[in-house]
Amino acid sequence: MNRRDFYRYGTIVLGNVVALALAVPGVAYVLDPLRRKSRQGDFDSVTRLGQLVEGVPRAFPIIDERQDGWVKYPREPIGSVWLIRQPSKEVEGGATKGGPQVLAFTAECPHLGCAVNLAADGKSFLCPCHTSNFDFAGKPRNQVPPRPMDRLEVKLSDSDDPEVLVKFQRFRTQSEEKIPLA
């Protein structure tokens, strides 16, 4: 091999090594959103059980980070939930059965996705967009909504004043079935 061939093949090899070194981080950057695990299934800490009064609904924001592709947004409200502490059930002997229970509903109307508020009488939920009305169990009180309010999964942490943890999800509107959105 003469000097001219050595430089020609050496330049080709060196150029390919440099191109590969630059391509690996570029490909990793492009494929990064596909490698990430979705946060679906995570529970968000909403409040403490002591902050809830039995039978009185309270709205709480769900604050979390959002990420779209490569853009990571700071912590901000991404939705809200209604929490209702249920009365403890007593069994014979005055003991309570099963501990305190909390119901959680999305504050999004299953009809068209408007924000569900507490009705003026304080005894039901009302969607101001098309007067969808729900009782505190989430059942519709009129024919406007296609299904009951969307109930969410709730867990309580183990402590004296447990944290109320809610698995926040959004569901498809205008559907009789509760279909989760991605």
Protein backbone atom coordinates (compact mmCIF):
# COMPACT_ATOMS: atom_id res chain seq x y z
CA MET A 1 0.00 0.00 0.00
CA ASN A 2 1.48 3.32 -0.97
CA ARG A 3 1.12 6.64 0.84
CA ARG A 4 -1.68 7.93 -1.42
CA ASP A 5 -3.86 4.83 -0.79
CA PHE A 6 -3.11 5.01 2.94
CA TYR A 7 -4.38 8.62 3.13
CA ARG A 8 -7.43 7.84 0.97
CA TYR A 9 -8.53 4.81 3.02
CA GLY A 10 -7.50 6.41 6.30
CA THR A 11 -9.64 9.48 5.53
CA ILE A 12 -12.64 7.30 4.68
CA VAL A 13 -12.28 5.28 7.88
CA LEU A 14 -11.72 8.39 10.04
CA GLY A 15 -14.72 10.14 8.40
CA ASN A 16 -16.98 7.18 9.12
CA VAL A 17 -15.84 7.02 12.77
CA VAL A 18 -16.59 10.75 13.23
CA ALA A 19 -19.97 10.39 11.48
CA LEU A 20 -20.89 7.45 13.73
CA ALA A 21 -19.80 9.37 16.84
CA LEU A 22 -22.13 12.22 15.85
CA ALA A 23 -25.00 9.98 14.75
CA VAL A 24 -25.35 8.01 18.01
CA PRO A 25 -26.37 11.01 20.19
CA GLY A 26 -28.61 12.31 17.39
CA VAL A 27 -30.49 9.02 17.10
CA ALA A 28 -30.75 8.78 20.91
CA TYR A 29 -32.26 12.30 20.99
CA VAL A 30 -34.85 11.45 18.35
CA LEU A 31 -35.84 8.14 19.99
CA ASP A 32 -35.88 9.49 23.57
CA PRO A 33 -39.67 10.06 23.79
CA LEU A 34 -40.27 6.45 22.76
CA ARG A 35 -38.04 5.12 25.55
CA ARG A 36 -39.78 7.04 28.33
CA LYS A 37 -42.26 5.33 30.55
CA SER A 38 -45.67 6.93 30.74
CA ARG A 39 -46.77 8.14 34.14
CA GLN A 40 -50.11 6.43 33.73
CA GLY A 41 -50.89 4.52 36.86
CA ASP A 42 -49.24 7.00 39.23
CA PHE A 43 -51.14 8.30 42.23
CA ASP A 44 -51.06 12.03 43.04
CA SER A 45 -51.13 13.28 46.63
CA VAL A 46 -54.11 15.60 46.83
CA THR A 47 -54.73 16.40 50.52
CA ARG A 48 -54.81 14.93 54.02
CA LEU A 49 -57.84 12.99 55.25
CA GLY A 50 -58.19 15.42 58.19
CA GLN A 51 -58.88 18.24 55.72
CA LEU A 52 -62.08 16.54 54.50
CA VAL A 53 -65.40 16.84 56.34
CA GLU A 54 -67.73 13.84 56.07
CA GLY A 55 -70.33 14.26 53.34
CA VAL A 56 -69.02 17.66 52.18
CA PRO A 57 -67.47 17.67 48.69
CA ARG A 58 -64.30 19.69 48.06
CA ALA A 59 -62.52 20.39 44.80
CA PHE A 60 -58.73 19.99 44.58
CA PRO A 61 -56.38 20.73 41.70
CA ILE A 62 -54.09 18.03 40.34
CA ILE A 63 -50.67 19.64 39.94
CA ASP A 64 -48.06 17.80 37.95
CA GLU A 65 -45.35 18.08 35.30
CA ARG A 66 -46.34 17.57 31.69
CA GLN A 67 -44.14 16.38 28.90
CA ASP A 68 -44.96 16.54 25.20
CA GLY A 69 -42.28 14.89 23.08
CA TRP A 70 -39.08 16.68 24.07
CA VAL A 71 -40.68 19.65 25.84
CA LYS A 72 -40.92 19.35 29.63
CA TYR A 73 -43.33 21.82 31.24
CA PRO A 74 -43.03 22.97 34.88
CA ARG A 75 -45.47 21.83 37.56
CA GLU A 76 -48.88 23.28 36.79
CA PRO A 77 -52.56 22.36 37.25
CA ILE A 78 -53.50 19.63 34.77
CA GLY A 79 -57.03 19.02 36.05
CA SER A 80 -59.11 18.88 39.20
CA VAL A 81 -61.03 16.35 41.26
CA TRP A 82 -63.94 16.36 43.67
CA LEU A 83 -63.33 14.46 46.92
CA ILE A 84 -66.11 13.39 49.30
CA ARG A 85 -65.30 11.72 52.60
CA GLN A 86 -67.84 9.03 53.34
CA PRO A 87 -69.18 8.43 56.84
CA SER A 88 -67.47 5.54 58.64
CA LYS A 89 -69.69 2.48 58.97
CA GLU A 90 -70.19 1.22 62.49
CA VAL A 91 -70.61 -2.44 63.35
CA GLU A 92 -71.83 -4.02 66.59
CA GLY A 93 -69.81 -2.96 69.59
CA GLY A 94 -69.20 0.60 68.28
CA ALA A 95 -66.15 -0.27 66.17
CA THR A 96 -65.76 1.13 62.68
CA LYS A 97 -65.67 -1.18 59.70
CA GLY A 98 -63.08 -0.75 56.95
CA GLY A 99 -61.84 2.68 58.04
CA PRO A 100 -62.63 5.95 56.32
CA GLN A 101 -63.54 5.96 52.66
CA VAL A 102 -63.13 8.76 50.15
CA LEU A 103 -64.89 9.06 46.79
CA ALA A 104 -63.08 10.88 44.00
CA PHE A 105 -64.63 12.16 40.77
CA THR A 106 -63.11 14.08 37.89
CA ALA A 107 -64.36 17.66 37.76
CA GLU A 108 -64.93 17.25 34.02
CA CYS A 109 -68.48 16.67 32.78
CA PRO A 110 -68.89 13.43 30.78
CA HIS A 111 -71.27 15.29 28.43
CA LEU A 112 -68.95 17.87 26.82
CA GLY A 113 -66.01 18.20 29.21
CA CYS A 114 -67.01 21.44 30.97
CA ALA A 115 -66.01 21.99 34.61
CA VAL A 116 -68.47 20.48 37.08
CA ASN A 117 -69.24 22.73 40.06
CA LEU A 118 -71.21 22.42 43.26
CA ALA A 119 -74.85 23.37 42.67
CA ALA A 120 -76.24 26.48 44.38
CA ASP A 121 -78.21 24.33 46.86
CA GLY A 122 -74.96 22.56 47.91
CA LYS A 123 -76.65 19.16 47.57
CA SER A 124 -75.53 18.11 44.08
CA PHE A 125 -73.04 18.77 41.29
CA LEU A 126 -73.97 20.95 38.32
CA CYS A 127 -72.35 21.51 34.95
CA PRO A 128 -73.17 25.06 33.86
CA CYS A 129 -72.73 24.37 30.11
CA HIS A 130 -75.84 22.25 29.56
CA THR A 131 -77.23 21.83 33.12
CA SER A 132 -75.99 18.28 33.62
CA ASN A 133 -76.80 17.45 37.23
CA PHE A 134 -75.30 14.71 39.46
CA ASP A 135 -75.85 13.55 43.03
CA PHE A 136 -72.93 13.07 45.44
CA ALA A 137 -72.59 9.42 44.34
CA GLY A 138 -71.92 10.69 40.80
CA LYS A 139 -75.23 9.44 39.37
CA PRO A 140 -76.98 11.70 36.84
CA ARG A 141 -80.14 13.45 38.04
CA ASN A 142 -81.33 14.39 34.54
CA GLN A 143 -81.08 13.02 30.99
CA VAL A 144 -78.32 15.38 29.72
CA PRO A 145 -75.13 13.44 30.62
CA PRO A 146 -74.51 10.16 28.79
CA ARG A 147 -73.09 8.45 31.90
CA PRO A 148 -72.39 9.09 35.61
CA MET A 149 -69.47 11.27 36.72
CA ASP A 150 -66.14 9.54 36.19
CA ARG A 151 -65.00 7.98 39.43
CA LEU A 152 -61.27 7.77 40.16
CA GLU A 153 -59.24 5.28 42.15
CA VAL A 154 -58.27 6.44 45.68
CA LYS A 155 -55.70 5.16 48.17
CA LEU A 156 -54.92 6.35 51.69
CA SER A 157 -51.36 6.33 53.03
CA ASP A 158 -50.57 4.67 56.35
CA SER A 159 -50.29 7.32 59.08
CA ASP A 160 -52.29 9.05 61.80
CA ASP A 161 -53.55 11.66 59.32
CA PRO A 162 -53.25 9.76 56.03
CA GLU A 163 -52.64 11.40 52.68
CA VAL A 164 -55.40 11.01 50.11
CA LEU A 165 -53.81 9.69 46.90
CA VAL A 166 -55.80 9.85 43.65
CA LYS A 167 -55.05 8.16 40.32
CA PHE A 168 -55.96 11.02 37.98
CA GLN A 169 -57.25 10.14 34.51
CA ARG A 170 -59.23 11.79 31.76
CA PHE A 171 -62.04 10.02 29.93
CA ARG A 172 -63.70 10.43 26.54
CA THR A 173 -66.72 12.73 26.59
CA GLN A 174 -70.06 12.11 24.84
CA SER A 175 -69.73 8.36 25.32
CA GLU A 176 -71.94 6.05 27.35
CA GLU A 177 -68.87 4.01 28.32
CA LYS A 178 -66.01 5.23 30.48
CA ILE A 179 -63.12 5.17 27.96
CA PRO A 180 -59.74 6.45 29.25
CA LEU A 181 -57.80 8.91 27.11
CA ALA A 182 -54.12 8.18 26.48
